[in-house]
Amino acid sequence: MALFLVASACLTIVTLCYAALCATSPFGDCRRCRGMGHAIKTDRRGKAKRGKDCRHCQATGKRIRAGRHLLNLWMATYRDGTN
């Protein structure tokens, strides 16, 4: 029984921390381009140069967090239902 309480307390703490993170910083770095907004390519000599723009974040380097996306969907559904 004690193990169940500890596990549920840890899960609650992690959930609340992620909710606070989504509220304070709704955008995180893009996982595809690692927040750069574009790919890094090398030319034939091995010198690094800018590649194509990232299609996932539209070259901004930021993407909306999954929790914030779910919150936005929930708020839109609530707003549509109360109108």
C-alpha atoms as a PDB file:
ATOM      1  CA  MET A   1       0.000   0.000   0.000  1.00  0.00           C
ATOM      2  CA  ALA A   2       2.840   2.387   0.831  1.00  0.00           C
ATOM      3  CA  LEU A   3       4.504   1.747  -2.523  1.00  0.00           C
ATOM      4  CA  PHE A   4       1.280   2.667  -4.293  1.00  0.00           C
ATOM      5  CA  LEU A   5       1.066   5.955  -2.374  1.00  0.00           C
ATOM      6  CA  VAL A   6       4.673   6.842  -3.161  1.00  0.00           C
ATOM      7  CA  ALA A   7       4.206   6.021  -6.853  1.00  0.00           C
ATOM      8  CA  SER A   8       1.000   8.042  -7.121  1.00  0.00           C
ATOM      9  CA  ALA A   9       2.608  10.980  -5.276  1.00  0.00           C
ATOM     10  CA  CYS A  10       5.582  10.924  -7.667  1.00  0.00           C
ATOM     11  CA  LEU A  11       3.279  10.767 -10.685  1.00  0.00           C
ATOM     12  CA  THR A  12       1.239  13.684  -9.352  1.00  0.00           C
ATOM     13  CA  ILE A  13       4.369  15.775  -8.766  1.00  0.00           C
ATOM     14  CA  VAL A  14       5.718  15.054 -12.258  1.00  0.00           C
ATOM     15  CA  THR A  15       2.354  15.917 -13.823  1.00  0.00           C
ATOM     16  CA  LEU A  16       2.077  19.193 -11.927  1.00  0.00           C
ATOM     17  CA  CYS A  17       5.651  20.166 -12.830  1.00  0.00           C
ATOM     18  CA  TYR A  18       4.995  19.486 -16.527  1.00  0.00           C
ATOM     19  CA  ALA A  19       1.763  21.493 -16.359  1.00  0.00           C
ATOM     20  CA  ALA A  20       3.677  24.395 -14.811  1.00  0.00           C
ATOM     21  CA  LEU A  21       6.327  24.124 -17.525  1.00  0.00           C
ATOM     22  CA  CYS A  22       3.663  24.180 -20.262  1.00  0.00           C
ATOM     23  CA  ALA A  23       2.032  27.223 -18.659  1.00  0.00           C
ATOM     24  CA  THR A  24       5.251  29.224 -18.291  1.00  0.00           C
ATOM     25  CA  SER A  25       7.046  28.127 -21.470  1.00  0.00           C
ATOM     26  CA  PRO A  26       4.575  26.793 -24.059  1.00  0.00           C
ATOM     27  CA  PHE A  27       7.205  26.453 -26.793  1.00  0.00           C
ATOM     28  CA  GLY A  28      10.215  24.171 -26.643  1.00  0.00           C
ATOM     29  CA  ASP A  29      13.115  23.586 -29.006  1.00  0.00           C
ATOM     30  CA  CYS A  30      12.328  21.656 -32.155  1.00  0.00           C
ATOM     31  CA  ARG A  31      13.517  18.067 -31.822  1.00  0.00           C
ATOM     32  CA  ARG A  32      14.211  17.740 -35.539  1.00  0.00           C
ATOM     33  CA  CYS A  33      16.618  20.675 -35.938  1.00  0.00           C
ATOM     34  CA  ARG A  34      17.531  21.004 -32.223  1.00  0.00           C
ATOM     35  CA  GLY A  35      16.306  24.590 -32.105  1.00  0.00           C
ATOM     36  CA  MET A  36      18.472  25.885 -34.960  1.00  0.00           C
ATOM     37  CA  GLY A  37      15.693  26.231 -37.551  1.00  0.00           C
ATOM     38  CA  HIS A  38      17.732  24.587 -40.269  1.00  0.00           C
ATOM     39  CA  ALA A  39      19.936  21.614 -40.931  1.00  0.00           C
ATOM     40  CA  ILE A  40      23.740  21.713 -40.897  1.00  0.00           C
ATOM     41  CA  LYS A  41      25.384  20.418 -44.058  1.00  0.00           C
ATOM     42  CA  THR A  42      28.985  20.146 -45.115  1.00  0.00           C
ATOM     43  CA  ASP A  43      30.470  20.982 -48.463  1.00  0.00           C
ATOM     44  CA  ARG A  44      32.980  18.804 -50.274  1.00  0.00           C
ATOM     45  CA  ARG A  45      35.835  20.207 -48.215  1.00  0.00           C
ATOM     46  CA  GLY A  46      34.104  19.357 -44.944  1.00  0.00           C
ATOM     47  CA  LYS A  47      33.287  22.946 -44.051  1.00  0.00           C
ATOM     48  CA  ALA A  48      29.957  23.350 -42.240  1.00  0.00           C
ATOM     49  CA  LYS A  49      27.280  25.421 -43.956  1.00  0.00           C
ATOM     50  CA  ARG A  50      23.594  26.111 -43.581  1.00  0.00           C
ATOM     51  CA  GLY A  51      21.237  23.508 -44.990  1.00  0.00           C
ATOM     52  CA  LYS A  52      17.546  23.580 -45.793  1.00  0.00           C
ATOM     53  CA  ASP A  53      14.971  25.147 -43.494  1.00  0.00           C
ATOM     54  CA  CYS A  54      13.267  22.797 -41.063  1.00  0.00           C
ATOM     55  CA  ARG A  55       9.779  21.868 -42.264  1.00  0.00           C
ATOM     56  CA  HIS A  56       8.558  20.857 -38.813  1.00  0.00           C
ATOM     57  CA  CYS A  57       9.038  24.220 -37.122  1.00  0.00           C
ATOM     58  CA  GLN A  58       8.939  26.424 -40.267  1.00  0.00           C
ATOM     59  CA  ALA A  59      12.529  27.580 -39.592  1.00  0.00           C
ATOM     60  CA  THR A  60      11.702  29.132 -36.199  1.00  0.00           C
ATOM     61  CA  GLY A  61      13.469  26.509 -34.109  1.00  0.00           C
ATOM     62  CA  LYS A  62      10.486  26.304 -31.730  1.00  0.00           C
ATOM     63  CA  ARG A  63       7.589  23.856 -31.491  1.00  0.00           C
ATOM     64  CA  ILE A  64       4.574  23.805 -29.218  1.00  0.00           C
ATOM     65  CA  ARG A  65       4.819  21.345 -26.347  1.00  0.00           C
ATOM     66  CA  ALA A  66       2.491  18.326 -26.369  1.00  0.00           C
ATOM     67  CA  GLY A  67       0.861  19.316 -23.078  1.00  0.00           C
ATOM     68  CA  ARG A  68       0.230  22.868 -24.287  1.00  0.00           C
ATOM     69  CA  HIS A  69      -1.263  21.514 -27.523  1.00  0.00           C
ATOM     70  CA  LEU A  70      -3.668  19.342 -25.522  1.00  0.00           C
ATOM     71  CA  LEU A  71      -4.575  22.316 -23.317  1.00  0.00           C
ATOM     72  CA  ASN A  72      -5.264  24.453 -26.397  1.00  0.00           C
ATOM     73  CA  LEU A  73      -7.532  21.739 -27.842  1.00  0.00           C
ATOM     74  CA  TRP A  74      -9.390  21.385 -24.557  1.00  0.00           C
ATOM     75  CA  MET A  75      -9.856  25.165 -24.234  1.00  0.00           C
ATOM     76  CA  ALA A  76     -11.149  25.400 -27.821  1.00  0.00           C
ATOM     77  CA  THR A  77     -13.645  22.599 -27.185  1.00  0.00           C
ATOM     78  CA  TYR A  78     -14.784  24.263 -23.960  1.00  0.00           C
ATOM     79  CA  ARG A  79     -15.089  27.647 -25.686  1.00  0.00           C
ATOM     80  CA  ASP A  80     -17.135  26.147 -28.543  1.00  0.00           C
ATOM     81  CA  GLY A  81     -19.383  24.294 -26.127  1.00  0.00           C
ATOM     82  CA  THR A  82     -20.245  27.365 -24.057  1.00  0.00           C
ATOM     83  CA  ASN A  83     -21.120  29.563 -27.039  1.00  0.00           C
END
